[in-house]
Amino acid sequence: MDGATECHICGHELPGDSRAVEWTVIGYVGDQMTADFAKELLASCEIPVFVHSRSGFFGTAGLPLTLFYKSGAAPFEISVPESLAGEADEILAGALGDRWQKRGA
């Protein structure tokens, strides 16, 4: 979005040139409550975050339809700017323990 000063999803103030920010999925959580907690935790640490439900049709309900036909990652992806990925992963790993599934782990 040209001219935008804040994220239209989370309201976080965007850096001067928001097009230069590369986002990356850092991991997954399995339910809406944990996803909401992760989002609030990272936001409180001033880390922009985007949570995406991978459950498809049921959106934020997070019904893991993939479990019916294949195994895979939990239904909520956590994304942050690439430059903050390590810090965000450490925060979530410490706070969520076994509920945190680091990408590629």
Protein backbone atom coordinates (compact mmCIF):
# COMPACT_ATOMS: atom_id res chain seq x y z
CA MET A 1 0.00 0.00 0.00
CA ASP A 2 1.61 3.22 -1.11
CA GLY A 3 1.41 5.98 1.47
CA ALA A 4 0.22 3.73 4.31
CA THR A 5 1.70 4.59 7.70
CA GLU A 6 0.38 1.58 9.62
CA CYS A 7 -0.42 -2.06 8.93
CA HIS A 8 -4.04 -2.53 7.88
CA ILE A 9 -4.13 -5.87 9.74
CA CYS A 10 -2.49 -5.21 13.13
CA GLY A 11 -2.23 -1.42 13.24
CA HIS A 12 1.53 -1.51 13.84
CA GLU A 13 3.37 1.56 12.54
CA LEU A 14 5.20 0.73 9.33
CA PRO A 15 8.82 1.67 8.73
CA GLY A 16 9.51 4.49 6.27
CA ASP A 17 9.71 2.14 3.27
CA SER A 18 7.36 -0.74 4.11
CA ARG A 19 8.01 -2.41 0.76
CA ALA A 20 11.55 -3.22 1.95
CA VAL A 21 10.26 -5.40 4.81
CA GLU A 22 10.49 -9.13 4.07
CA TRP A 23 8.08 -11.28 6.09
CA THR A 24 8.77 -14.90 6.98
CA VAL A 25 6.80 -17.71 8.63
CA ILE A 26 8.71 -18.60 11.81
CA GLY A 27 6.46 -21.37 13.10
CA TYR A 28 3.05 -22.72 13.94
CA VAL A 29 0.57 -23.10 16.79
CA GLY A 30 -2.38 -25.44 16.97
CA ASP A 31 -5.33 -23.38 18.21
CA GLN A 32 -6.90 -19.93 18.11
CA MET A 33 -6.27 -19.10 21.78
CA THR A 34 -2.55 -19.83 21.47
CA ALA A 35 -2.39 -17.88 18.20
CA ASP A 36 -4.03 -14.87 19.86
CA PHE A 37 -1.64 -15.10 22.81
CA ALA A 38 1.38 -15.31 20.49
CA LYS A 39 0.17 -12.28 18.55
CA GLU A 40 -0.37 -10.20 21.70
CA LEU A 41 2.95 -11.29 23.20
CA LEU A 42 4.96 -10.32 20.12
CA ALA A 43 3.05 -7.05 19.74
CA SER A 44 3.84 -6.20 23.38
CA CYS A 45 7.52 -6.69 22.48
CA GLU A 46 7.03 -4.29 19.54
CA ILE A 47 7.46 -7.06 16.97
CA PRO A 48 5.00 -6.79 14.07
CA VAL A 49 3.20 -10.10 13.63
CA PHE A 50 0.74 -11.67 11.22
CA VAL A 51 -1.22 -14.81 12.11
CA HIS A 52 -2.68 -16.82 9.25
CA SER A 53 -5.13 -19.69 9.66
CA ARG A 54 -4.17 -22.61 7.42
CA SER A 55 -7.48 -24.34 8.05
CA GLY A 56 -9.00 -22.97 4.87
CA PHE A 57 -12.79 -22.96 4.78
CA PHE A 58 -13.27 -22.51 8.52
CA GLY A 59 -10.97 -19.48 8.73
CA THR A 60 -10.05 -18.37 12.22
CA ALA A 61 -11.95 -21.25 13.83
CA GLY A 62 -8.86 -23.28 13.06
CA LEU A 63 -10.59 -26.59 12.48
CA PRO A 64 -7.68 -28.75 11.35
CA LEU A 65 -9.27 -30.37 8.31
CA THR A 66 -5.83 -31.56 7.23
CA LEU A 67 -5.94 -34.14 10.01
CA PHE A 68 -8.67 -36.00 8.14
CA TYR A 69 -6.57 -36.66 5.07
CA LYS A 70 -2.92 -35.95 5.87
CA SER A 71 -0.61 -34.99 8.67
CA GLY A 72 1.08 -31.62 8.67
CA ALA A 73 1.81 -28.43 10.53
CA ALA A 74 -0.63 -26.89 12.97
CA PRO A 75 -3.34 -24.70 11.48
CA PHE A 76 -2.00 -21.24 12.48
CA GLU A 77 1.14 -19.75 10.91
CA ILE A 78 3.03 -17.00 12.74
CA SER A 79 4.87 -14.53 10.49
CA VAL A 80 7.16 -11.65 11.42
CA PRO A 81 9.60 -9.41 9.57
CA GLU A 82 12.63 -11.49 8.62
CA SER A 83 14.98 -9.22 10.57
CA LEU A 84 13.11 -10.03 13.81
CA ALA A 85 12.62 -13.77 13.24
CA GLY A 86 15.27 -14.98 15.70
CA GLU A 87 14.08 -12.73 18.51
CA ALA A 88 10.42 -13.63 17.92
CA ASP A 89 11.21 -17.36 17.88
CA GLU A 90 13.07 -17.12 21.20
CA ILE A 91 10.17 -15.26 22.80
CA LEU A 92 7.56 -17.73 21.58
CA ALA A 93 9.65 -20.81 22.40
CA GLY A 94 10.11 -19.57 25.96
CA ALA A 95 6.49 -18.58 26.47
CA LEU A 96 4.69 -21.40 24.66
CA GLY A 97 6.91 -24.41 25.24
CA ASP A 98 5.49 -27.53 23.57
CA ARG A 99 2.68 -25.54 21.95
CA TRP A 100 5.26 -23.77 19.72
CA GLN A 101 6.30 -25.57 16.52
CA LYS A 102 9.29 -23.82 15.03
CA ARG A 103 9.30 -23.90 11.24
CA GLY A 104 11.65 -26.55 9.94
CA ALA A 105 12.07 -28.19 13.33
